[in-house]
């Protein structure tokens, strides 16, 4: 970006402008879906109690059942690549005012978070011991808790899309009028964090009359985080020239503050287009766009946020998804 362009952008920003007047951009990559988190696994069944009778003897108690292992969390989806910007061709009969034209590819989509692993199930309680007369039977041990599931793998970020080749032809410039092109590489998407591991299930308590508690299950492993997209998109290029143009038949339209005017293949010829500061024209076609007169109205306005717009100047990389900080709750008994 030249010093002159930087000075023009700084002046526009100081007067309240926060978006370009004309945007030729690729579509933003979609974020990957988050992986499914898994529930706590089923608990083991309780062991049977011993039963003693002074006349016939005892039936022994039974150990508690083991808890099931937790399922692994689902993997996060990968973000899609940003779209390439169209190679726009804009023909302007008369230009009035300073018009900022921005071109860039779409940013890559962020990866989806890995799902949390399920907690292991509780071990079942050991059966109780018993005695009657001369006969007795000890209690049994509790079951082992299930192993926690692993966290799901985080999704990878998508690559940035490329800018297009933008052709701008003007037949006549009114005094103090100019086109100011600006571009930057699109950014790759951010890799997502892996899922949290599931904890091991507690061991079951031992039965009365000598049963021991079962061991707890081990925790799962945390999910591997996804990787950032590897490629920034190429910036747009601009070819600005001046030559005589024939007028076209088209409608008059005013782009008001906060309004986005998409120009597609359906309607590409205009008579007079007036852009009030804070309005935005989005070029979404590679076919010729013809405007008999393009007017930029200066002035300080309050511009609401427009999701499809692009800032005049972008100097930092997008921040990634916030890392998981929540603690996975322990399973209820």
C-alpha atoms as a PDB file:
ATOM      1  CA  UNK A   1       0.000   0.000   0.000  1.00  0.00           C
ATOM      2  CA  UNK A   2       1.433   3.361  -1.019  1.00  0.00           C
ATOM      3  CA  UNK A   3       1.836   6.303   1.329  1.00  0.00           C
ATOM      4  CA  UNK A   4      -0.761   8.271  -0.622  1.00  0.00           C
ATOM      5  CA  UNK A   5      -3.316   5.463  -0.306  1.00  0.00           C
ATOM      6  CA  UNK A   6      -2.599   5.157   3.410  1.00  0.00           C
ATOM      7  CA  UNK A   7      -3.141   8.888   3.875  1.00  0.00           C
ATOM      8  CA  UNK A   8      -6.449   8.778   1.994  1.00  0.00           C
ATOM      9  CA  UNK A   9      -7.664   5.851   4.088  1.00  0.00           C
ATOM     10  CA  UNK A  10      -6.600   7.589   7.303  1.00  0.00           C
ATOM     11  CA  UNK A  11      -8.523  10.691   6.294  1.00  0.00           C
ATOM     12  CA  UNK A  12     -11.626   8.629   5.478  1.00  0.00           C
ATOM     13  CA  UNK A  13     -11.466   6.767   8.776  1.00  0.00           C
ATOM     14  CA  UNK A  14     -11.100  10.033  10.697  1.00  0.00           C
ATOM     15  CA  UNK A  15     -14.272  11.320   9.022  1.00  0.00           C
ATOM     16  CA  UNK A  16     -16.255   8.267  10.149  1.00  0.00           C
ATOM     17  CA  UNK A  17     -15.844   5.769   7.299  1.00  0.00           C
ATOM     18  CA  UNK A  18     -15.225   2.176   8.445  1.00  0.00           C
ATOM     19  CA  UNK A  19     -15.917   0.127   5.309  1.00  0.00           C
ATOM     20  CA  UNK A  20     -14.931   0.417   1.657  1.00  0.00           C
ATOM     21  CA  UNK A  21     -17.416   1.763  -0.875  1.00  0.00           C
ATOM     22  CA  UNK A  22     -17.008  -1.158  -3.282  1.00  0.00           C
ATOM     23  CA  UNK A  23     -16.061  -4.655  -2.148  1.00  0.00           C
ATOM     24  CA  UNK A  24     -14.985  -7.546  -4.369  1.00  0.00           C
ATOM     25  CA  UNK A  25     -14.468 -10.445  -1.970  1.00  0.00           C
ATOM     26  CA  UNK A  26     -14.607 -14.202  -1.889  1.00  0.00           C
ATOM     27  CA  UNK A  27     -17.033 -15.986   0.382  1.00  0.00           C
ATOM     28  CA  UNK A  28     -15.962 -16.751   3.933  1.00  0.00           C
ATOM     29  CA  UNK A  29     -15.120 -20.372   4.650  1.00  0.00           C
ATOM     30  CA  UNK A  30     -17.590 -22.184   6.898  1.00  0.00           C
ATOM     31  CA  UNK A  31     -16.557 -23.311  10.356  1.00  0.00           C
ATOM     32  CA  UNK A  32     -16.421 -27.023  11.027  1.00  0.00           C
ATOM     33  CA  UNK A  33     -19.099 -28.589  13.210  1.00  0.00           C
ATOM     34  CA  UNK A  34     -18.213 -29.295  16.832  1.00  0.00           C
ATOM     35  CA  UNK A  35     -17.762 -32.941  17.747  1.00  0.00           C
ATOM     36  CA  UNK A  36     -20.384 -34.560  19.972  1.00  0.00           C
ATOM     37  CA  UNK A  37     -19.576 -34.887  23.663  1.00  0.00           C
ATOM     38  CA  UNK A  38     -20.388 -38.246  25.217  1.00  0.00           C
ATOM     39  CA  UNK A  39     -22.443 -38.995  28.349  1.00  0.00           C
ATOM     40  CA  UNK A  40     -21.310 -40.930  31.391  1.00  0.00           C
ATOM     41  CA  UNK A  41     -21.162 -44.664  30.768  1.00  0.00           C
ATOM     42  CA  UNK A  42     -23.543 -47.056  32.582  1.00  0.00           C
ATOM     43  CA  UNK A  43     -22.593 -48.262  36.053  1.00  0.00           C
ATOM     44  CA  UNK A  44     -21.934 -51.857  36.918  1.00  0.00           C
ATOM     45  CA  UNK A  45     -24.672 -53.820  38.670  1.00  0.00           C
ATOM     46  CA  UNK A  46     -24.546 -54.435  42.427  1.00  0.00           C
ATOM     47  CA  UNK A  47     -23.372 -57.852  43.543  1.00  0.00           C
ATOM     48  CA  UNK A  48     -25.727 -60.374  45.150  1.00  0.00           C
ATOM     49  CA  UNK A  49     -25.697 -60.569  48.935  1.00  0.00           C
ATOM     50  CA  UNK A  50     -24.742 -63.788  50.732  1.00  0.00           C
ATOM     51  CA  UNK A  51     -27.480 -65.799  52.406  1.00  0.00           C
ATOM     52  CA  UNK A  52     -26.941 -68.149  55.338  1.00  0.00           C
ATOM     53  CA  UNK A  53     -29.244 -70.639  57.029  1.00  0.00           C
ATOM     54  CA  UNK A  54     -28.256 -72.473  60.196  1.00  0.00           C
ATOM     55  CA  UNK A  55     -29.632 -75.723  58.846  1.00  0.00           C
ATOM     56  CA  UNK A  56     -28.457 -75.701  55.217  1.00  0.00           C
ATOM     57  CA  UNK A  57     -25.359 -73.461  55.128  1.00  0.00           C
ATOM     58  CA  UNK A  58     -24.612 -70.334  53.033  1.00  0.00           C
ATOM     59  CA  UNK A  59     -24.727 -69.098  49.450  1.00  0.00           C
ATOM     60  CA  UNK A  60     -21.776 -66.809  48.786  1.00  0.00           C
ATOM     61  CA  UNK A  61     -22.005 -63.126  47.975  1.00  0.00           C
ATOM     62  CA  UNK A  62     -21.087 -61.891  44.471  1.00  0.00           C
ATOM     63  CA  UNK A  63     -18.632 -59.178  43.458  1.00  0.00           C
ATOM     64  CA  UNK A  64     -20.029 -55.895  42.065  1.00  0.00           C
ATOM     65  CA  UNK A  65     -20.078 -55.493  38.305  1.00  0.00           C
ATOM     66  CA  UNK A  66     -17.533 -53.313  36.520  1.00  0.00           C
ATOM     67  CA  UNK A  67     -18.586 -49.947  35.157  1.00  0.00           C
ATOM     68  CA  UNK A  68     -18.584 -49.533  31.373  1.00  0.00           C
ATOM     69  CA  UNK A  69     -15.836 -47.525  29.702  1.00  0.00           C
ATOM     70  CA  UNK A  70     -16.736 -44.037  28.512  1.00  0.00           C
ATOM     71  CA  UNK A  71     -17.062 -43.415  24.779  1.00  0.00           C
ATOM     72  CA  UNK A  72     -14.578 -41.207  22.971  1.00  0.00           C
ATOM     73  CA  UNK A  73     -15.716 -37.723  22.067  1.00  0.00           C
ATOM     74  CA  UNK A  74     -16.594 -37.005  18.442  1.00  0.00           C
ATOM     75  CA  UNK A  75     -14.020 -35.331  16.214  1.00  0.00           C
ATOM     76  CA  UNK A  76     -14.563 -31.722  15.199  1.00  0.00           C
ATOM     77  CA  UNK A  77     -15.151 -30.980  11.533  1.00  0.00           C
ATOM     78  CA  UNK A  78     -12.583 -29.171   9.408  1.00  0.00           C
ATOM     79  CA  UNK A  79     -13.232 -25.596   8.360  1.00  0.00           C
ATOM     80  CA  UNK A  80     -13.754 -25.083   4.635  1.00  0.00           C
ATOM     81  CA  UNK A  81     -11.460 -22.987   2.459  1.00  0.00           C
ATOM     82  CA  UNK A  82     -12.331 -19.370   1.799  1.00  0.00           C
ATOM     83  CA  UNK A  83     -13.689 -18.607  -1.654  1.00  0.00           C
ATOM     84  CA  UNK A  84     -11.721 -16.837  -4.363  1.00  0.00           C
ATOM     85  CA  UNK A  85     -12.849 -13.322  -5.199  1.00  0.00           C
ATOM     86  CA  UNK A  86     -14.362 -12.807  -8.665  1.00  0.00           C
ATOM     87  CA  UNK A  87     -12.314 -11.068 -11.329  1.00  0.00           C
ATOM     88  CA  UNK A  88     -14.513  -7.993 -11.478  1.00  0.00           C
ATOM     89  CA  UNK A  89     -14.828  -5.625 -14.462  1.00  0.00           C
ATOM     90  CA  UNK A  90     -16.348  -2.239 -13.580  1.00  0.00           C
ATOM     91  CA  UNK A  91     -16.922   0.465 -16.211  1.00  0.00           C
ATOM     92  CA  UNK A  92     -17.805   3.963 -14.980  1.00  0.00           C
ATOM     93  CA  UNK A  93     -18.843   6.803 -17.270  1.00  0.00           C
ATOM     94  CA  UNK A  94     -18.340   9.671 -14.802  1.00  0.00           C
ATOM     95  CA  UNK A  95     -16.794   9.432 -11.347  1.00  0.00           C
ATOM     96  CA  UNK A  96     -17.613  12.027  -8.702  1.00  0.00           C
ATOM     97  CA  UNK A  97     -15.840  11.827  -5.346  1.00  0.00           C
ATOM     98  CA  UNK A  98     -13.247   9.564  -3.764  1.00  0.00           C
ATOM     99  CA  UNK A  99     -14.315   5.925  -3.964  1.00  0.00           C
ATOM    100  CA  UNK A 100     -12.533   3.208  -1.984  1.00  0.00           C
ATOM    101  CA  UNK A 101     -12.403  -0.190  -3.695  1.00  0.00           C
ATOM    102  CA  UNK A 102     -11.366  -3.236  -1.679  1.00  0.00           C
ATOM    103  CA  UNK A 103     -10.605  -6.711  -3.030  1.00  0.00           C
ATOM    104  CA  UNK A 104      -9.644  -9.890  -1.191  1.00  0.00           C
ATOM    105  CA  UNK A 105     -10.335 -13.591  -0.948  1.00  0.00           C
ATOM    106  CA  UNK A 106     -12.479 -15.069   1.789  1.00  0.00           C
ATOM    107  CA  UNK A 107     -10.947 -16.149   5.087  1.00  0.00           C
ATOM    108  CA  UNK A 108     -10.695 -19.872   5.782  1.00  0.00           C
ATOM    109  CA  UNK A 109     -13.238 -21.318   8.191  1.00  0.00           C
ATOM    110  CA  UNK A 110     -12.225 -22.303  11.725  1.00  0.00           C
ATOM    111  CA  UNK A 111     -12.174 -25.943  12.757  1.00  0.00           C
ATOM    112  CA  UNK A 112     -14.852 -27.384  15.033  1.00  0.00           C
ATOM    113  CA  UNK A 113     -14.071 -28.232  18.663  1.00  0.00           C
ATOM    114  CA  UNK A 114     -13.459 -31.852  19.558  1.00  0.00           C
ATOM    115  CA  UNK A 115     -16.180 -33.376  21.735  1.00  0.00           C
ATOM    116  CA  UNK A 116     -15.528 -34.322  25.355  1.00  0.00           C
ATOM    117  CA  UNK A 117     -14.984 -37.953  26.231  1.00  0.00           C
ATOM    118  CA  UNK A 118     -17.559 -39.701  28.400  1.00  0.00           C
ATOM    119  CA  UNK A 119     -16.844 -40.503  32.029  1.00  0.00           C
ATOM    120  CA  UNK A 120     -16.417 -44.149  32.985  1.00  0.00           C
ATOM    121  CA  UNK A 121     -19.308 -45.801  34.765  1.00  0.00           C
ATOM    122  CA  UNK A 122     -19.315 -46.504  38.519  1.00  0.00           C
ATOM    123  CA  UNK A 123     -18.361 -49.911  39.713  1.00  0.00           C
ATOM    124  CA  UNK A 124     -21.216 -51.827  41.297  1.00  0.00           C
ATOM    125  CA  UNK A 125     -21.352 -52.398  45.077  1.00  0.00           C
ATOM    126  CA  UNK A 126     -20.109 -55.745  46.300  1.00  0.00           C
ATOM    127  CA  UNK A 127     -22.606 -58.113  47.855  1.00  0.00           C
ATOM    128  CA  UNK A 128     -22.854 -58.145  51.641  1.00  0.00           C
ATOM    129  CA  UNK A 129     -21.730 -61.067  53.744  1.00  0.00           C
ATOM    130  CA  UNK A 130     -24.008 -62.997  56.079  1.00  0.00           C
ATOM    131  CA  UNK A 131     -23.969 -65.440  59.001  1.00  0.00           C
ATOM    132  CA  UNK A 132     -26.417 -67.715  60.755  1.00  0.00           C
ATOM    133  CA  UNK A 133     -25.599 -70.154  63.462  1.00  0.00           C
ATOM    134  CA  UNK A 134     -22.351 -71.917  62.729  1.00  0.00           C
ATOM    135  CA  UNK A 135     -22.297 -70.722  59.120  1.00  0.00           C
ATOM    136  CA  UNK A 136     -20.936 -67.425  57.716  1.00  0.00           C
ATOM    137  CA  UNK A 137     -19.946 -65.978  54.329  1.00  0.00           C
ATOM    138  CA  UNK A 138     -17.811 -62.850  53.736  1.00  0.00           C
ATOM    139  CA  UNK A 139     -18.814 -59.796  51.747  1.00  0.00           C
ATOM    140  CA  UNK A 140     -17.506 -59.364  48.178  1.00  0.00           C
ATOM    141  CA  UNK A 141     -15.447 -56.601  46.613  1.00  0.00           C
ATOM    142  CA  UNK A 142     -16.915 -53.701  44.683  1.00  0.00           C
ATOM    143  CA  UNK A 143     -16.617 -53.552  40.901  1.00  0.00           C
ATOM    144  CA  UNK A 144     -13.956 -51.604  39.034  1.00  0.00           C
ATOM    145  CA  UNK A 145     -14.873 -48.173  37.664  1.00  0.00           C
ATOM    146  CA  UNK A 146     -14.914 -47.779  33.887  1.00  0.00           C
ATOM    147  CA  UNK A 147     -12.130 -46.050  31.968  1.00  0.00           C
ATOM    148  CA  UNK A 148     -12.844 -42.503  30.761  1.00  0.00           C
ATOM    149  CA  UNK A 149     -13.213 -41.869  27.031  1.00  0.00           C
ATOM    150  CA  UNK A 150     -10.700 -39.858  25.052  1.00  0.00           C
ATOM    151  CA  UNK A 151     -11.463 -36.330  23.915  1.00  0.00           C
ATOM    152  CA  UNK A 152     -12.268 -35.879  20.243  1.00  0.00           C
ATOM    153  CA  UNK A 153      -9.764 -34.410  17.790  1.00  0.00           C
ATOM    154  CA  UNK A 154     -10.164 -30.714  16.982  1.00  0.00           C
ATOM    155  CA  UNK A 155     -10.917 -29.752  13.390  1.00  0.00           C
ATOM    156  CA  UNK A 156      -8.369 -28.099  11.111  1.00  0.00           C
ATOM    157  CA  UNK A 157      -8.759 -24.554   9.816  1.00  0.00           C
ATOM    158  CA  UNK A 158      -9.381 -23.947   6.126  1.00  0.00           C
ATOM    159  CA  UNK A 159      -7.092 -22.040   3.765  1.00  0.00           C
ATOM    160  CA  UNK A 160      -7.658 -18.461   2.678  1.00  0.00           C
ATOM    161  CA  UNK A 161      -9.107 -17.742  -0.749  1.00  0.00           C
ATOM    162  CA  UNK A 162      -7.321 -15.728  -3.411  1.00  0.00           C
ATOM    163  CA  UNK A 163      -8.153 -12.221  -4.490  1.00  0.00           C
ATOM    164  CA  UNK A 164      -9.241 -11.548  -8.052  1.00  0.00           C
ATOM    165  CA  UNK A 165      -8.003  -9.385 -10.911  1.00  0.00           C
ATOM    166  CA  UNK A 166     -10.075  -6.188 -10.735  1.00  0.00           C
ATOM    167  CA  UNK A 167     -10.442  -4.075 -13.884  1.00  0.00           C
ATOM    168  CA  UNK A 168     -11.655  -0.488 -13.392  1.00  0.00           C
ATOM    169  CA  UNK A 169     -12.269   1.771 -16.392  1.00  0.00           C
ATOM    170  CA  UNK A 170     -13.394   5.397 -16.010  1.00  0.00           C
ATOM    171  CA  UNK A 171     -14.351   7.654 -18.895  1.00  0.00           C
ATOM    172  CA  UNK A 172     -14.363  10.991 -17.046  1.00  0.00           C
ATOM    173  CA  UNK A 173     -13.205  12.147 -13.598  1.00  0.00           C
ATOM    174  CA  UNK A 174     -14.856  15.188 -12.065  1.00  0.00           C
ATOM    175  CA  UNK A 175     -12.531  17.501 -10.086  1.00  0.00           C
ATOM    176  CA  UNK A 176     -11.101  15.997  -6.881  1.00  0.00           C
ATOM    177  CA  UNK A 177     -12.359  12.533  -7.826  1.00  0.00           C
ATOM    178  CA  UNK A 178     -10.383   9.292  -7.728  1.00  0.00           C
ATOM    179  CA  UNK A 179     -10.506   5.547  -7.214  1.00  0.00           C
ATOM    180  CA  UNK A 180      -8.509   4.256  -4.234  1.00  0.00           C
ATOM    181  CA  UNK A 181      -7.787   0.502  -4.407  1.00  0.00           C
ATOM    182  CA  UNK A 182      -6.845  -1.521  -1.319  1.00  0.00           C
ATOM    183  CA  UNK A 183      -6.201  -5.195  -0.789  1.00  0.00           C
ATOM    184  CA  UNK A 184      -4.703  -7.677   1.670  1.00  0.00           C
ATOM    185  CA  UNK A 185      -4.178 -11.435   1.791  1.00  0.00           C
ATOM    186  CA  UNK A 186      -7.037 -13.417   3.274  1.00  0.00           C
ATOM    187  CA  UNK A 187      -6.316 -15.359   6.452  1.00  0.00           C
ATOM    188  CA  UNK A 188      -6.424 -19.110   7.004  1.00  0.00           C
ATOM    189  CA  UNK A 189      -8.828 -20.527   9.569  1.00  0.00           C
ATOM    190  CA  UNK A 190      -7.851 -21.429  13.120  1.00  0.00           C
ATOM    191  CA  UNK A 191      -7.458 -25.025  14.292  1.00  0.00           C
ATOM    192  CA  UNK A 192      -9.858 -25.949  17.093  1.00  0.00           C
ATOM    193  CA  UNK A 193      -9.006 -27.368  20.526  1.00  0.00           C
ATOM    194  CA  UNK A 194      -9.399 -31.058  21.180  1.00  0.00           C
ATOM    195  CA  UNK A 195     -12.053 -32.350  23.537  1.00  0.00           C
ATOM    196  CA  UNK A 196     -11.546 -32.812  27.261  1.00  0.00           C
ATOM    197  CA  UNK A 197     -10.931 -36.389  28.441  1.00  0.00           C
ATOM    198  CA  UNK A 198     -13.515 -38.261  30.450  1.00  0.00           C
ATOM    199  CA  UNK A 199     -12.569 -39.145  34.030  1.00  0.00           C
ATOM    200  CA  UNK A 200     -12.453 -42.678  35.303  1.00  0.00           C
ATOM    201  CA  UNK A 201     -15.502 -44.012  37.099  1.00  0.00           C
ATOM    202  CA  UNK A 202     -15.229 -44.578  40.874  1.00  0.00           C
ATOM    203  CA  UNK A 203     -14.906 -48.133  42.090  1.00  0.00           C
ATOM    204  CA  UNK A 204     -17.876 -49.710  43.811  1.00  0.00           C
ATOM    205  CA  UNK A 205     -17.908 -49.977  47.596  1.00  0.00           C
ATOM    206  CA  UNK A 206     -17.224 -53.350  49.146  1.00  0.00           C
ATOM    207  CA  UNK A 207     -19.922 -55.431  50.735  1.00  0.00           C
ATOM    208  CA  UNK A 208     -20.209 -55.591  54.499  1.00  0.00           C
ATOM    209  CA  UNK A 209     -18.303 -58.262  56.427  1.00  0.00           C
ATOM    210  CA  UNK A 210     -14.961 -57.907  54.648  1.00  0.00           C
ATOM    211  CA  UNK A 211     -15.581 -56.710  51.078  1.00  0.00           C
ATOM    212  CA  UNK A 212     -13.079 -54.171  49.663  1.00  0.00           C
ATOM    213  CA  UNK A 213     -13.859 -51.195  47.458  1.00  0.00           C
ATOM    214  CA  UNK A 214     -13.116 -51.665  43.766  1.00  0.00           C
ATOM    215  CA  UNK A 215     -10.432 -49.584  42.021  1.00  0.00           C
ATOM    216  CA  UNK A 216     -11.341 -46.473  40.074  1.00  0.00           C
ATOM    217  CA  UNK A 217     -10.988 -46.447  36.317  1.00  0.00           C
ATOM    218  CA  UNK A 218      -8.310 -44.406  34.584  1.00  0.00           C
ATOM    219  CA  UNK A 219      -8.938 -41.092  32.805  1.00  0.00           C
ATOM    220  CA  UNK A 220      -9.012 -40.842  29.029  1.00  0.00           C
ATOM    221  CA  UNK A 221      -6.555 -38.828  26.967  1.00  0.00           C
ATOM    222  CA  UNK A 222      -7.247 -35.257  25.841  1.00  0.00           C
ATOM    223  CA  UNK A 223      -8.102 -34.787  22.194  1.00  0.00           C
ATOM    224  CA  UNK A 224      -5.416 -33.569  19.824  1.00  0.00           C
ATOM    225  CA  UNK A 225      -6.000 -29.949  18.721  1.00  0.00           C
ATOM    226  CA  UNK A 226      -6.544 -29.182  15.062  1.00  0.00           C
ATOM    227  CA  UNK A 227      -4.005 -27.313  12.985  1.00  0.00           C
ATOM    228  CA  UNK A 228      -4.388 -23.848  11.520  1.00  0.00           C
ATOM    229  CA  UNK A 229      -4.932 -23.502   7.818  1.00  0.00           C
ATOM    230  CA  UNK A 230      -1.619 -23.384   5.989  1.00  0.00           C
ATOM    231  CA  UNK A 231      -2.197 -20.827   3.239  1.00  0.00           C
ATOM    232  CA  UNK A 232      -2.929 -17.137   3.117  1.00  0.00           C
ATOM    233  CA  UNK A 233      -4.762 -16.103  -0.005  1.00  0.00           C
ATOM    234  CA  UNK A 234      -3.083 -13.995  -2.663  1.00  0.00           C
ATOM    235  CA  UNK A 235      -4.158 -10.329  -2.621  1.00  0.00           C
ATOM    236  CA  UNK A 236      -6.228  -8.843  -5.408  1.00  0.00           C
ATOM    237  CA  UNK A 237      -4.661  -6.947  -8.285  1.00  0.00           C
ATOM    238  CA  UNK A 238      -6.047  -3.761  -9.832  1.00  0.00           C
ATOM    239  CA  UNK A 239      -5.904  -2.438 -13.382  1.00  0.00           C
ATOM    240  CA  UNK A 240      -7.235   1.147 -13.520  1.00  0.00           C
ATOM    241  CA  UNK A 241      -7.446   2.934 -16.855  1.00  0.00           C
ATOM    242  CA  UNK A 242      -9.306   5.741 -18.589  1.00  0.00           C
ATOM    243  CA  UNK A 243     -11.036   5.661 -21.954  1.00  0.00           C
ATOM    244  CA  UNK A 244     -14.277   6.722 -23.608  1.00  0.00           C
ATOM    245  CA  UNK A 245     -17.296   4.590 -22.761  1.00  0.00           C
ATOM    246  CA  UNK A 246     -20.764   4.404 -24.271  1.00  0.00           C
ATOM    247  CA  UNK A 247     -23.694   5.019 -21.899  1.00  0.00           C
ATOM    248  CA  UNK A 248     -26.020   2.195 -20.921  1.00  0.00           C
ATOM    249  CA  UNK A 249     -29.687   2.049 -19.976  1.00  0.00           C
ATOM    250  CA  UNK A 250     -30.139   1.359 -16.291  1.00  0.00           C
ATOM    251  CA  UNK A 251     -31.814   2.373 -13.058  1.00  0.00           C
ATOM    252  CA  UNK A 252     -30.853   5.031 -10.532  1.00  0.00           C
ATOM    253  CA  UNK A 253     -30.061   3.792  -7.030  1.00  0.00           C
ATOM    254  CA  UNK A 254     -28.844   5.277  -3.753  1.00  0.00           C
ATOM    255  CA  UNK A 255     -26.852   3.113  -1.342  1.00  0.00           C
ATOM    256  CA  UNK A 256     -27.673   4.441   2.117  1.00  0.00           C
ATOM    257  CA  UNK A 257     -25.618   4.029   5.323  1.00  0.00           C
ATOM    258  CA  UNK A 258     -25.696   0.421   6.521  1.00  0.00           C
ATOM    259  CA  UNK A 259     -27.087  -0.838   3.199  1.00  0.00           C
ATOM    260  CA  UNK A 260     -25.309  -3.510   1.163  1.00  0.00           C
ATOM    261  CA  UNK A 261     -26.101  -3.502  -2.546  1.00  0.00           C
ATOM    262  CA  UNK A 262     -25.173  -6.849  -4.119  1.00  0.00           C
ATOM    263  CA  UNK A 263     -24.470  -6.661  -7.832  1.00  0.00           C
ATOM    264  CA  UNK A 264     -24.934 -10.025  -9.535  1.00  0.00           C
ATOM    265  CA  UNK A 265     -25.445 -11.322 -13.055  1.00  0.00           C
ATOM    266  CA  UNK A 266     -29.139 -10.472 -12.784  1.00  0.00           C
ATOM    267  CA  UNK A 267     -28.731  -6.674 -12.849  1.00  0.00           C
ATOM    268  CA  UNK A 268     -25.420  -5.127 -13.869  1.00  0.00           C
ATOM    269  CA  UNK A 269     -26.293  -1.905 -15.745  1.00  0.00           C
ATOM    270  CA  UNK A 270     -27.046   1.321 -13.841  1.00  0.00           C
ATOM    271  CA  UNK A 271     -27.605   4.962 -14.696  1.00  0.00           C
ATOM    272  CA  UNK A 272     -26.605   6.888 -11.557  1.00  0.00           C
ATOM    273  CA  UNK A 273     -25.390   5.117  -8.433  1.00  0.00           C
ATOM    274  CA  UNK A 274     -25.004   7.291  -5.332  1.00  0.00           C
ATOM    275  CA  UNK A 275     -23.056   5.880  -2.396  1.00  0.00           C
ATOM    276  CA  UNK A 276     -23.643   7.616   0.892  1.00  0.00           C
ATOM    277  CA  UNK A 277     -20.855   7.182   3.409  1.00  0.00           C
ATOM    278  CA  UNK A 278     -21.435   3.884   5.197  1.00  0.00           C
ATOM    279  CA  UNK A 279     -23.138   2.246   2.220  1.00  0.00           C
ATOM    280  CA  UNK A 280     -21.471  -0.656   0.428  1.00  0.00           C
ATOM    281  CA  UNK A 281     -21.589  -2.129  -3.068  1.00  0.00           C
ATOM    282  CA  UNK A 282     -20.694  -5.830  -3.151  1.00  0.00           C
ATOM    283  CA  UNK A 283     -19.590  -7.054  -6.581  1.00  0.00           C
ATOM    284  CA  UNK A 284     -20.512 -10.740  -6.900  1.00  0.00           C
ATOM    285  CA  UNK A 285     -20.038 -11.335 -10.604  1.00  0.00           C
ATOM    286  CA  UNK A 286     -17.151 -11.654 -13.054  1.00  0.00           C
ATOM    287  CA  UNK A 287     -19.256 -10.173 -15.867  1.00  0.00           C
ATOM    288  CA  UNK A 288     -19.092  -6.516 -16.795  1.00  0.00           C
ATOM    289  CA  UNK A 289     -20.722  -3.996 -14.461  1.00  0.00           C
ATOM    290  CA  UNK A 290     -21.547  -0.667 -16.140  1.00  0.00           C
ATOM    291  CA  UNK A 291     -22.456   2.567 -14.349  1.00  0.00           C
ATOM    292  CA  UNK A 292     -23.081   5.802 -16.228  1.00  0.00           C
ATOM    293  CA  UNK A 293     -22.321   7.951 -13.181  1.00  0.00           C
ATOM    294  CA  UNK A 294     -20.929   6.923  -9.802  1.00  0.00           C
ATOM    295  CA  UNK A 295     -21.252   9.482  -7.016  1.00  0.00           C
ATOM    296  CA  UNK A 296     -19.676   9.211  -3.568  1.00  0.00           C
ATOM    297  CA  UNK A 297     -21.297  11.482  -0.976  1.00  0.00           C
ATOM    298  CA  UNK A 298     -18.810  12.436   1.761  1.00  0.00           C
ATOM    299  CA  UNK A 299     -19.794  13.227   5.283  1.00  0.00           C
ATOM    300  CA  UNK A 300     -19.578  11.818   8.773  1.00  0.00           C
ATOM    301  CA  UNK A 301     -22.203   9.183   9.521  1.00  0.00           C
ATOM    302  CA  UNK A 302     -22.695   6.389  12.032  1.00  0.00           C
ATOM    303  CA  UNK A 303     -22.166   3.085  10.276  1.00  0.00           C
ATOM    304  CA  UNK A 304     -23.702  -0.066  11.722  1.00  0.00           C
ATOM    305  CA  UNK A 305     -21.799  -3.327  11.484  1.00  0.00           C
ATOM    306  CA  UNK A 306     -22.195  -5.152   8.180  1.00  0.00           C
ATOM    307  CA  UNK A 307     -21.297  -8.850   8.273  1.00  0.00           C
ATOM    308  CA  UNK A 308     -20.426  -9.030   4.586  1.00  0.00           C
ATOM    309  CA  UNK A 309     -18.200  -5.965   4.567  1.00  0.00           C
ATOM    310  CA  UNK A 310     -14.462  -5.683   4.956  1.00  0.00           C
ATOM    311  CA  UNK A 311     -12.588  -3.064   6.990  1.00  0.00           C
ATOM    312  CA  UNK A 312     -10.652  -0.389   5.148  1.00  0.00           C
ATOM    313  CA  UNK A 313      -7.503  -1.420   6.970  1.00  0.00           C
ATOM    314  CA  UNK A 314      -6.852  -4.793   8.585  1.00  0.00           C
ATOM    315  CA  UNK A 315      -3.544  -5.224  10.359  1.00  0.00           C
ATOM    316  CA  UNK A 316      -3.999  -8.214  12.661  1.00  0.00           C
ATOM    317  CA  UNK A 317      -4.855 -11.840  12.215  1.00  0.00           C
ATOM    318  CA  UNK A 318      -8.274 -12.967  13.325  1.00  0.00           C
ATOM    319  CA  UNK A 319      -8.333 -14.451  16.779  1.00  0.00           C
ATOM    320  CA  UNK A 320      -9.132 -18.127  17.015  1.00  0.00           C
ATOM    321  CA  UNK A 321     -11.860 -19.797  18.981  1.00  0.00           C
ATOM    322  CA  UNK A 322     -11.616 -19.454  22.723  1.00  0.00           C
ATOM    323  CA  UNK A 323      -9.966 -22.436  24.336  1.00  0.00           C
ATOM    324  CA  UNK A 324     -12.135 -24.620  26.521  1.00  0.00           C
ATOM    325  CA  UNK A 325     -11.981 -23.620  30.163  1.00  0.00           C
ATOM    326  CA  UNK A 326     -15.010 -25.417  31.520  1.00  0.00           C
ATOM    327  CA  UNK A 327     -14.515 -28.290  33.945  1.00  0.00           C
ATOM    328  CA  UNK A 328     -16.304 -31.459  33.007  1.00  0.00           C
ATOM    329  CA  UNK A 329     -18.746 -32.325  35.845  1.00  0.00           C
ATOM    330  CA  UNK A 330     -18.306 -35.526  37.749  1.00  0.00           C
ATOM    331  CA  UNK A 331     -20.984 -38.114  37.091  1.00  0.00           C
ATOM    332  CA  UNK A 332     -23.788 -38.424  39.566  1.00  0.00           C
ATOM    333  CA  UNK A 333     -24.041 -41.587  41.596  1.00  0.00           C
END
